[in-house]
Amino acid sequence: MTETELRMTDHELLALLSMTPTESAATTLALFRLGQHGDNELLKNAGITTLMVRGLAELQGDRIVPVDRCAVVGKVLSQAQEWLEISLTTPSTKHVLFTAGSNAGAVLLSLSPVGVHDIQPIESGSAMLALGLHLCSEYLAGAAEGLPATAVVKRLRVDQEPVVAQLTAVESGDWTLRSGDESEFAEETVSPDVALDRFEAVLSA
C-alpha cells in the first residue's frame, strides 16, 4: 500500500461518513451496503475509536474530526456528485469496486468481502468514468480471469436517473449488452469489435 492509499473497515467508513451527514454521504453509505447501519451507534463508536488509535481522527475542541488522508477521503465521499459501482465476474470470481467523485477529488474503493477495503485517489471528472471503462475493458477484452466474463457498471449522478450497463464477453460469437435504468432493461447482441464502444455510449448518455 502506498502513502496515498488507505485501508479502512466497514465501521471506520460508517464513522467517517457520520461526521459529515450530507445527502452525498447517505448515498455513499447506501452504495457501500452500509445504509442499514446508519443508526448503529455501537458500530460508529467502534469506528471512531479505531480511527483515533490509527491517527486518522482526533479530538478538536468538543468534536472528533478526521485528519490527513482520512480527512481527504471523508471530504470526497461527503461531497460526491457522481458514483460508479463496478462489478466484474466470471463463473468462479467476483470483484466489486466503487468510485466517488466530487469537486474535492475522487477515490476508488475496492470492496472486500471481509469488510476491509482499499481506497486510493483517482482523477475526478470525466477521467473517473474513463477509468471504470478501462477496468471493464481489461477484464473483458483482456480476459483477465478467463471467459465468459461479465462487467456491470451502475452510474449515479446527482439529480439524474441512474444508468446501468451490463456487458458479457464469451470466447466465440457475439457478446451480450443489457442496458437501461434500474427497472427496465433492453438486451442486444453486439459484435466484440464494437461491444466496448456501445458499452461506453450507454454509460456516457
C-alpha atoms as a PDB file:
ATOM      1  CA  MET A   1       0.000   0.000   0.000  1.00  0.00           C
ATOM      2  CA  THR A   2       1.449   3.371  -0.996  1.00  0.00           C
ATOM      3  CA  GLU A   3       1.420   6.588   1.020  1.00  0.00           C
ATOM      4  CA  THR A   4      -1.614   7.798  -0.924  1.00  0.00           C
ATOM      5  CA  GLU A   5      -3.651   4.639  -0.333  1.00  0.00           C
ATOM      6  CA  LEU A   6      -5.757   3.996   2.722  1.00  0.00           C
ATOM      7  CA  ARG A   7      -7.238   0.811   4.140  1.00  0.00           C
ATOM      8  CA  MET A   8     -10.463   1.187   6.100  1.00  0.00           C
ATOM      9  CA  THR A   9     -13.013  -1.137   7.664  1.00  0.00           C
ATOM     10  CA  ASP A  10     -16.793  -1.004   7.352  1.00  0.00           C
ATOM     11  CA  HIS A  11     -17.208   0.534  10.787  1.00  0.00           C
ATOM     12  CA  GLU A  12     -14.497   3.128  10.104  1.00  0.00           C
ATOM     13  CA  LEU A  13     -16.262   4.200   6.896  1.00  0.00           C
ATOM     14  CA  LEU A  14     -19.541   4.358   8.802  1.00  0.00           C
ATOM     15  CA  ALA A  15     -17.933   6.530  11.477  1.00  0.00           C
ATOM     16  CA  LEU A  16     -16.226   8.768   8.917  1.00  0.00           C
ATOM     17  CA  LEU A  17     -19.418   9.480   6.992  1.00  0.00           C
ATOM     18  CA  SER A  18     -21.384  10.061  10.192  1.00  0.00           C
ATOM     19  CA  MET A  19     -19.061  13.012  10.905  1.00  0.00           C
ATOM     20  CA  THR A  20     -20.453  14.813   7.829  1.00  0.00           C
ATOM     21  CA  PRO A  21     -24.082  13.643   7.439  1.00  0.00           C
ATOM     22  CA  THR A  22     -24.838  15.039   3.977  1.00  0.00           C
ATOM     23  CA  GLU A  23     -27.101  13.647   1.255  1.00  0.00           C
ATOM     24  CA  SER A  24     -23.982  12.579  -0.629  1.00  0.00           C
ATOM     25  CA  ALA A  25     -22.725  10.752   2.455  1.00  0.00           C
ATOM     26  CA  ALA A  26     -26.053   8.910   2.696  1.00  0.00           C
ATOM     27  CA  THR A  27     -25.855   7.907  -0.983  1.00  0.00           C
ATOM     28  CA  THR A  28     -22.300   6.690  -0.459  1.00  0.00           C
ATOM     29  CA  LEU A  29     -23.312   4.631   2.583  1.00  0.00           C
ATOM     30  CA  ALA A  30     -26.141   3.021   0.630  1.00  0.00           C
ATOM     31  CA  LEU A  31     -23.815   2.152  -2.265  1.00  0.00           C
ATOM     32  CA  PHE A  32     -21.279   0.657   0.132  1.00  0.00           C
ATOM     33  CA  ARG A  33     -24.063  -1.562   1.590  1.00  0.00           C
ATOM     34  CA  LEU A  34     -23.803   0.279   4.916  1.00  0.00           C
ATOM     35  CA  GLY A  35     -27.025   2.287   4.822  1.00  0.00           C
ATOM     36  CA  GLN A  36     -28.838  -0.132   7.117  1.00  0.00           C
ATOM     37  CA  HIS A  37     -26.216   0.501   9.822  1.00  0.00           C
ATOM     38  CA  GLY A  38     -26.560   4.287   9.774  1.00  0.00           C
ATOM     39  CA  ASP A  39     -28.208   4.380  13.220  1.00  0.00           C
ATOM     40  CA  ASN A  40     -25.947   1.786  14.833  1.00  0.00           C
ATOM     41  CA  GLU A  41     -24.138   3.834  17.474  1.00  0.00           C
ATOM     42  CA  LEU A  42     -22.095   0.834  18.623  1.00  0.00           C
ATOM     43  CA  LEU A  43     -20.543   0.392  15.173  1.00  0.00           C
ATOM     44  CA  LYS A  44     -19.997   4.143  14.778  1.00  0.00           C
ATOM     45  CA  ASN A  45     -18.247   4.388  18.140  1.00  0.00           C
ATOM     46  CA  ALA A  46     -16.067   1.389  17.308  1.00  0.00           C
ATOM     47  CA  GLY A  47     -15.106   3.059  14.040  1.00  0.00           C
ATOM     48  CA  ILE A  48     -14.304   6.361  15.729  1.00  0.00           C
ATOM     49  CA  THR A  49     -12.148   4.563  18.289  1.00  0.00           C
ATOM     50  CA  THR A  50     -10.049   2.742  15.703  1.00  0.00           C
ATOM     51  CA  LEU A  51      -9.702   5.874  13.553  1.00  0.00           C
ATOM     52  CA  MET A  52      -8.326   7.724  16.576  1.00  0.00           C
ATOM     53  CA  VAL A  53      -5.990   4.869  17.526  1.00  0.00           C
ATOM     54  CA  ARG A  54      -4.650   4.811  13.959  1.00  0.00           C
ATOM     55  CA  GLY A  55      -4.095   8.578  13.950  1.00  0.00           C
ATOM     56  CA  LEU A  56      -6.770   9.123  11.304  1.00  0.00           C
ATOM     57  CA  ALA A  57      -9.060  11.178  13.565  1.00  0.00           C
ATOM     58  CA  GLU A  58      -8.509  13.452  16.538  1.00  0.00           C
ATOM     59  CA  LEU A  59     -10.358  15.499  19.114  1.00  0.00           C
ATOM     60  CA  GLN A  60     -10.618  19.186  18.206  1.00  0.00           C
ATOM     61  CA  GLY A  61     -12.492  21.101  20.878  1.00  0.00           C
ATOM     62  CA  ASP A  62     -15.615  19.078  21.555  1.00  0.00           C
ATOM     63  CA  ARG A  63     -15.643  17.372  18.138  1.00  0.00           C
ATOM     64  CA  ILE A  64     -13.851  14.372  16.713  1.00  0.00           C
ATOM     65  CA  VAL A  65     -12.710  15.098  13.166  1.00  0.00           C
ATOM     66  CA  PRO A  66     -10.838  13.108  10.507  1.00  0.00           C
ATOM     67  CA  VAL A  67      -7.264  14.129   9.703  1.00  0.00           C
ATOM     68  CA  ASP A  68      -4.692  13.614   6.939  1.00  0.00           C
ATOM     69  CA  ARG A  69      -5.689  11.083   4.251  1.00  0.00           C
ATOM     70  CA  CYS A  70      -8.856  10.192   6.135  1.00  0.00           C
ATOM     71  CA  ALA A  71      -9.994  13.829   6.004  1.00  0.00           C
ATOM     72  CA  VAL A  72      -9.474  13.882   2.232  1.00  0.00           C
ATOM     73  CA  VAL A  73     -11.486  10.683   1.761  1.00  0.00           C
ATOM     74  CA  GLY A  74     -14.238  11.996   4.029  1.00  0.00           C
ATOM     75  CA  LYS A  75     -14.465  15.262   2.100  1.00  0.00           C
ATOM     76  CA  VAL A  76     -14.716  13.471  -1.250  1.00  0.00           C
ATOM     77  CA  LEU A  77     -17.345  10.977  -0.075  1.00  0.00           C
ATOM     78  CA  SER A  78     -19.487  13.555   1.722  1.00  0.00           C
ATOM     79  CA  GLN A  79     -19.427  15.985  -1.226  1.00  0.00           C
ATOM     80  CA  ALA A  80     -19.649  13.442  -4.057  1.00  0.00           C
ATOM     81  CA  GLN A  81     -21.764  14.320  -7.079  1.00  0.00           C
ATOM     82  CA  GLU A  82     -21.145  11.144  -9.075  1.00  0.00           C
ATOM     83  CA  TRP A  83     -20.602   7.483  -8.269  1.00  0.00           C
ATOM     84  CA  LEU A  84     -19.787   4.305 -10.176  1.00  0.00           C
ATOM     85  CA  GLU A  85     -20.460   0.799  -8.927  1.00  0.00           C
ATOM     86  CA  ILE A  86     -18.408  -1.706 -10.925  1.00  0.00           C
ATOM     87  CA  SER A  87     -18.883  -5.466 -10.745  1.00  0.00           C
ATOM     88  CA  LEU A  88     -16.514  -7.816 -12.592  1.00  0.00           C
ATOM     89  CA  THR A  89     -17.416 -11.506 -12.560  1.00  0.00           C
ATOM     90  CA  THR A  90     -16.721 -14.900 -14.076  1.00  0.00           C
ATOM     91  CA  PRO A  91     -18.388 -18.171 -13.051  1.00  0.00           C
ATOM     92  CA  SER A  92     -15.760 -18.540 -10.301  1.00  0.00           C
ATOM     93  CA  THR A  93     -14.695 -14.993  -9.353  1.00  0.00           C
ATOM     94  CA  LYS A  94     -16.240 -11.678  -8.359  1.00  0.00           C
ATOM     95  CA  HIS A  95     -14.820  -8.205  -7.766  1.00  0.00           C
ATOM     96  CA  VAL A  96     -16.766  -5.134  -6.664  1.00  0.00           C
ATOM     97  CA  LEU A  97     -15.328  -1.632  -6.899  1.00  0.00           C
ATOM     98  CA  PHE A  98     -16.751   1.831  -6.329  1.00  0.00           C
ATOM     99  CA  THR A  99     -15.689   5.286  -7.378  1.00  0.00           C
ATOM    100  CA  ALA A 100     -16.924   8.569  -5.954  1.00  0.00           C
ATOM    101  CA  GLY A 101     -16.167  11.948  -7.472  1.00  0.00           C
ATOM    102  CA  SER A 102     -16.609  15.496  -6.198  1.00  0.00           C
ATOM    103  CA  ASN A 103     -15.136  18.962  -6.646  1.00  0.00           C
ATOM    104  CA  ALA A 104     -12.668  17.949  -3.928  1.00  0.00           C
ATOM    105  CA  GLY A 105     -11.349  14.994  -5.946  1.00  0.00           C
ATOM    106  CA  ALA A 106     -12.233  11.345  -6.458  1.00  0.00           C
ATOM    107  CA  VAL A 107     -11.455   7.970  -4.908  1.00  0.00           C
ATOM    108  CA  LEU A 108     -11.558   4.320  -5.919  1.00  0.00           C
ATOM    109  CA  LEU A 109     -12.629   1.779  -3.319  1.00  0.00           C
ATOM    110  CA  SER A 110     -12.010  -1.946  -3.758  1.00  0.00           C
ATOM    111  CA  LEU A 111     -14.687  -3.730  -1.760  1.00  0.00           C
ATOM    112  CA  SER A 112     -13.569  -6.737   0.254  1.00  0.00           C
ATOM    113  CA  PRO A 113     -15.992  -9.439   1.447  1.00  0.00           C
ATOM    114  CA  VAL A 114     -14.254  -9.440   4.842  1.00  0.00           C
ATOM    115  CA  GLY A 115     -15.017  -5.765   5.464  1.00  0.00           C
ATOM    116  CA  VAL A 116     -11.529  -4.272   4.985  1.00  0.00           C
ATOM    117  CA  HIS A 117     -11.367  -2.061   1.909  1.00  0.00           C
ATOM    118  CA  ASP A 118      -8.559  -0.388  -0.043  1.00  0.00           C
ATOM    119  CA  ILE A 119      -9.120   3.256  -1.002  1.00  0.00           C
ATOM    120  CA  GLN A 120      -6.934   5.246  -3.367  1.00  0.00           C
ATOM    121  CA  PRO A 121      -7.182   8.665  -5.012  1.00  0.00           C
ATOM    122  CA  ILE A 122      -8.014   8.874  -8.715  1.00  0.00           C
ATOM    123  CA  GLU A 123      -8.696  11.681 -11.175  1.00  0.00           C
ATOM    124  CA  SER A 124     -12.148  13.217 -10.968  1.00  0.00           C
ATOM    125  CA  GLY A 125     -14.455  14.452 -13.718  1.00  0.00           C
ATOM    126  CA  SER A 126     -14.596  12.541 -16.999  1.00  0.00           C
ATOM    127  CA  ALA A 127     -11.448  10.622 -16.025  1.00  0.00           C
ATOM    128  CA  MET A 128     -13.442   8.701 -13.424  1.00  0.00           C
ATOM    129  CA  LEU A 129     -15.756   7.110 -15.993  1.00  0.00           C
ATOM    130  CA  ALA A 130     -12.772   6.559 -18.292  1.00  0.00           C
ATOM    131  CA  LEU A 131     -11.052   4.591 -15.525  1.00  0.00           C
ATOM    132  CA  GLY A 132     -14.154   2.483 -14.937  1.00  0.00           C
ATOM    133  CA  LEU A 133     -14.402   1.695 -18.640  1.00  0.00           C
ATOM    134  CA  HIS A 134     -10.702   0.830 -18.770  1.00  0.00           C
ATOM    135  CA  LEU A 135     -11.080  -1.634 -15.894  1.00  0.00           C
ATOM    136  CA  CYS A 136     -14.009  -3.280 -17.675  1.00  0.00           C
ATOM    137  CA  SER A 137     -12.123  -3.422 -20.968  1.00  0.00           C
ATOM    138  CA  GLU A 138      -9.113  -5.088 -19.356  1.00  0.00           C
ATOM    139  CA  TYR A 139     -11.356  -7.623 -17.667  1.00  0.00           C
ATOM    140  CA  LEU A 140     -13.418  -8.499 -20.740  1.00  0.00           C
ATOM    141  CA  ALA A 141     -11.226  -7.952 -23.803  1.00  0.00           C
ATOM    142  CA  GLY A 142      -8.101  -8.936 -21.902  1.00  0.00           C
ATOM    143  CA  ALA A 143      -9.845 -11.998 -20.426  1.00  0.00           C
ATOM    144  CA  ALA A 144      -8.085 -11.213 -17.150  1.00  0.00           C
ATOM    145  CA  GLU A 145      -9.701 -14.150 -15.354  1.00  0.00           C
ATOM    146  CA  GLY A 146     -10.997 -16.113 -18.308  1.00  0.00           C
ATOM    147  CA  LEU A 147     -14.248 -16.194 -20.242  1.00  0.00           C
ATOM    148  CA  PRO A 148     -17.202 -15.970 -20.082  1.00  0.00           C
ATOM    149  CA  ALA A 149     -16.911 -12.760 -18.077  1.00  0.00           C
ATOM    150  CA  THR A 150     -19.363 -10.003 -17.230  1.00  0.00           C
ATOM    151  CA  ALA A 151     -18.881  -6.348 -16.355  1.00  0.00           C
ATOM    152  CA  VAL A 152     -21.721  -4.367 -14.803  1.00  0.00           C
ATOM    153  CA  VAL A 153     -21.461  -0.622 -14.243  1.00  0.00           C
ATOM    154  CA  LYS A 154     -24.057   1.448 -12.427  1.00  0.00           C
ATOM    155  CA  ARG A 155     -23.579   5.194 -12.838  1.00  0.00           C
ATOM    156  CA  LEU A 156     -25.249   7.570 -10.408  1.00  0.00           C
ATOM    157  CA  ARG A 157     -25.230  11.351 -10.741  1.00  0.00           C
ATOM    158  CA  VAL A 158     -26.930  13.932  -8.560  1.00  0.00           C
ATOM    159  CA  ASP A 159     -30.320  14.981  -9.987  1.00  0.00           C
ATOM    160  CA  GLN A 160     -30.165  12.386 -12.775  1.00  0.00           C
ATOM    161  CA  GLU A 161     -31.625   8.920 -13.182  1.00  0.00           C
ATOM    162  CA  PRO A 162     -29.190   6.048 -12.582  1.00  0.00           C
ATOM    163  CA  VAL A 163     -27.889   4.261 -15.682  1.00  0.00           C
ATOM    164  CA  VAL A 164     -26.899   0.596 -15.669  1.00  0.00           C
ATOM    165  CA  ALA A 165     -24.984  -1.275 -18.372  1.00  0.00           C
ATOM    166  CA  GLN A 166     -24.026  -4.945 -18.387  1.00  0.00           C
ATOM    167  CA  LEU A 167     -21.693  -6.494 -20.947  1.00  0.00           C
ATOM    168  CA  THR A 168     -20.955 -10.217 -21.158  1.00  0.00           C
ATOM    169  CA  ALA A 169     -17.985 -11.473 -23.169  1.00  0.00           C
ATOM    170  CA  VAL A 170     -17.654 -15.034 -24.467  1.00  0.00           C
ATOM    171  CA  GLU A 171     -14.821 -16.909 -26.164  1.00  0.00           C
ATOM    172  CA  SER A 172     -16.507 -17.019 -29.562  1.00  0.00           C
ATOM    173  CA  GLY A 173     -19.535 -15.332 -31.072  1.00  0.00           C
ATOM    174  CA  ASP A 174     -21.321 -12.119 -30.223  1.00  0.00           C
ATOM    175  CA  TRP A 175     -21.280 -10.511 -26.795  1.00  0.00           C
ATOM    176  CA  THR A 176     -24.441  -9.528 -24.911  1.00  0.00           C
ATOM    177  CA  LEU A 177     -25.211  -5.958 -23.849  1.00  0.00           C
ATOM    178  CA  ARG A 178     -28.014  -5.114 -21.437  1.00  0.00           C
ATOM    179  CA  SER A 179     -28.745  -1.506 -20.612  1.00  0.00           C
ATOM    180  CA  GLY A 180     -31.346   0.745 -19.064  1.00  0.00           C
ATOM    181  CA  ASP A 181     -32.330   2.128 -15.695  1.00  0.00           C
ATOM    182  CA  GLU A 182     -32.893   0.156 -12.511  1.00  0.00           C
ATOM    183  CA  SER A 183     -36.379  -1.007 -13.512  1.00  0.00           C
ATOM    184  CA  GLU A 184     -36.288  -1.626 -17.269  1.00  0.00           C
ATOM    185  CA  PHE A 185     -33.581  -3.194 -19.427  1.00  0.00           C
ATOM    186  CA  ALA A 186     -33.045  -3.673 -23.143  1.00  0.00           C
ATOM    187  CA  GLU A 187     -30.886  -6.544 -24.370  1.00  0.00           C
ATOM    188  CA  GLU A 188     -28.976  -6.863 -27.629  1.00  0.00           C
ATOM    189  CA  THR A 189     -26.202  -8.950 -29.121  1.00  0.00           C
ATOM    190  CA  VAL A 190     -23.175  -6.989 -30.280  1.00  0.00           C
ATOM    191  CA  SER A 191     -20.018  -7.796 -32.182  1.00  0.00           C
ATOM    192  CA  PRO A 192     -16.914  -7.954 -29.966  1.00  0.00           C
ATOM    193  CA  ASP A 193     -15.353  -5.303 -32.237  1.00  0.00           C
ATOM    194  CA  VAL A 194     -17.890  -2.660 -31.199  1.00  0.00           C
ATOM    195  CA  ALA A 195     -19.138  -4.018 -27.872  1.00  0.00           C
ATOM    196  CA  LEU A 196     -16.969  -1.834 -25.653  1.00  0.00           C
ATOM    197  CA  ASP A 197     -17.817   1.277 -27.686  1.00  0.00           C
ATOM    198  CA  ARG A 198     -21.528   0.543 -27.278  1.00  0.00           C
ATOM    199  CA  PHE A 199     -20.990  -0.084 -23.556  1.00  0.00           C
ATOM    200  CA  GLU A 200     -19.304   3.313 -23.224  1.00  0.00           C
ATOM    201  CA  ALA A 201     -22.044   5.057 -25.213  1.00  0.00           C
ATOM    202  CA  VAL A 202     -24.731   3.753 -22.856  1.00  0.00           C
ATOM    203  CA  LEU A 203     -22.890   4.961 -19.765  1.00  0.00           C
ATOM    204  CA  SER A 204     -21.962   8.315 -21.304  1.00  0.00           C
ATOM    205  CA  ALA A 205     -25.533   9.234 -22.231  1.00  0.00           C
END
